[in-house]
Protein backbone atom coordinates (compact mmCIF):
# COMPACT_ATOMS: atom_id res chain seq x y z
CA MET A 1 -17.91 -52.70 -136.32
CA GLU A 2 -16.49 -52.61 -139.84
CA LEU A 3 -12.77 -53.07 -140.27
CA THR A 4 -11.20 -50.91 -142.94
CA LEU A 5 -7.75 -51.84 -144.15
CA PRO A 6 -5.51 -49.12 -145.52
CA GLU A 7 -4.90 -49.16 -149.26
CA ARG A 8 -1.67 -50.98 -150.07
CA ARG A 9 0.26 -49.39 -152.85
CA ILE A 10 2.96 -51.17 -154.82
CA LYS A 11 6.33 -49.50 -154.43
CA ILE A 12 9.02 -49.24 -157.06
CA ILE A 13 12.34 -49.47 -155.23
CA LYS A 14 15.47 -47.94 -156.72
CA SER A 15 18.65 -49.75 -155.64
CA THR A 16 22.06 -48.27 -156.40
CA GLU A 17 25.24 -50.29 -156.00
CA ASP A 18 28.79 -49.10 -156.50
CA ARG A 19 31.08 -52.10 -156.26
CA THR A 20 34.26 -50.03 -156.54
CA LEU A 21 33.28 -47.97 -153.47
CA GLY A 22 31.49 -50.84 -151.74
CA THR A 23 28.27 -48.86 -151.29
CA PHE A 24 24.63 -49.87 -151.65
CA SER A 25 21.50 -47.77 -151.16
CA GLU A 26 17.77 -48.21 -151.61
CA GLU A 27 14.95 -45.71 -151.79
CA VAL A 28 11.28 -45.68 -152.73
CA PHE A 29 11.27 -44.28 -156.24
CA LYS A 30 7.50 -44.29 -156.80
CA GLU A 31 4.26 -45.70 -155.38
CA CYS A 32 1.78 -47.25 -157.81
CA LEU A 33 -1.91 -48.01 -157.48
CA ASP A 34 -1.95 -51.39 -159.23
CA ASN A 35 0.02 -53.82 -161.40
CA GLY A 36 -0.85 -51.91 -164.58
CA ASP A 37 0.61 -48.73 -163.12
CA VAL A 38 3.79 -50.62 -162.17
CA LEU A 39 4.25 -51.97 -165.70
CA LEU A 40 3.60 -48.55 -167.22
CA SER A 41 6.14 -46.99 -164.85
CA PHE A 42 8.71 -49.67 -165.71
CA GLN A 43 8.23 -48.90 -169.42
CA GLU A 44 8.76 -45.17 -168.79
CA ILE A 45 11.88 -45.77 -166.68
CA GLU A 46 13.33 -48.19 -169.23
CA ARG A 47 12.67 -45.80 -172.11
CA ALA A 48 14.35 -42.91 -170.27
CA PHE A 49 17.47 -44.86 -169.30
CA ARG A 50 17.84 -46.49 -172.74
CA ALA A 51 17.74 -43.02 -174.32
CA ASN A 52 20.67 -41.94 -172.15
CA PRO A 53 23.99 -43.02 -173.76
CA ASN A 54 25.67 -43.05 -170.32
CA TYR A 55 23.80 -46.20 -169.28
CA GLU A 56 24.20 -49.79 -170.42
CA PHE A 57 21.00 -51.82 -170.43
CA LEU A 58 21.45 -55.12 -168.53
CA HIS A 59 17.89 -56.48 -168.41
CA GLY A 60 14.32 -55.30 -168.57
CA ALA A 61 10.93 -56.06 -167.08
CA GLN A 62 10.18 -58.71 -169.71
CA ASP A 63 13.05 -60.84 -168.30
CA HIS A 64 12.40 -60.22 -164.58
CA LEU A 65 10.02 -57.95 -162.71
CA SER A 66 12.83 -55.41 -162.48
CA ILE A 67 14.95 -53.18 -164.69
CA HIS A 68 18.75 -53.11 -164.43
CA PHE A 69 21.26 -50.60 -165.84
CA ARG A 70 24.96 -49.82 -165.42
CA ASP A 71 26.54 -46.38 -165.66
CA ILE A 72 29.30 -46.89 -168.25
CA HIS A 73 31.55 -44.26 -166.65
CA SER A 74 31.31 -45.09 -162.94
CA CYS A 75 30.23 -48.76 -163.30
CA GLN A 76 27.52 -47.98 -160.74
CA GLU A 77 24.55 -50.35 -161.13
CA ILE A 78 20.98 -49.12 -160.83
CA ARG A 79 18.06 -51.51 -160.42
CA PHE A 80 14.35 -50.75 -160.22
CA SER A 81 12.12 -53.47 -158.72
CA ALA A 82 8.56 -53.78 -157.43
CA ALA A 83 7.67 -54.51 -153.80
CA ASP A 84 4.45 -54.32 -151.82
């Protein structure tokens, strides 16, 4: 009997933290097929958030395998990271 394992996709997790309210949430933002798809998705997310003047860029995927932004009005922090 042949054992077939289900395909494991890499998830991009979006974490949102509001230190003034004391709240933290996580959700699956996107599922990717492979590492190349993850890096491409990170580039798209980073480009979109950097283009928005409401967000301050804290660090990108070249520093860590995550992207980190802060909303300059609410001080809410948004982080995108990869998990399998």
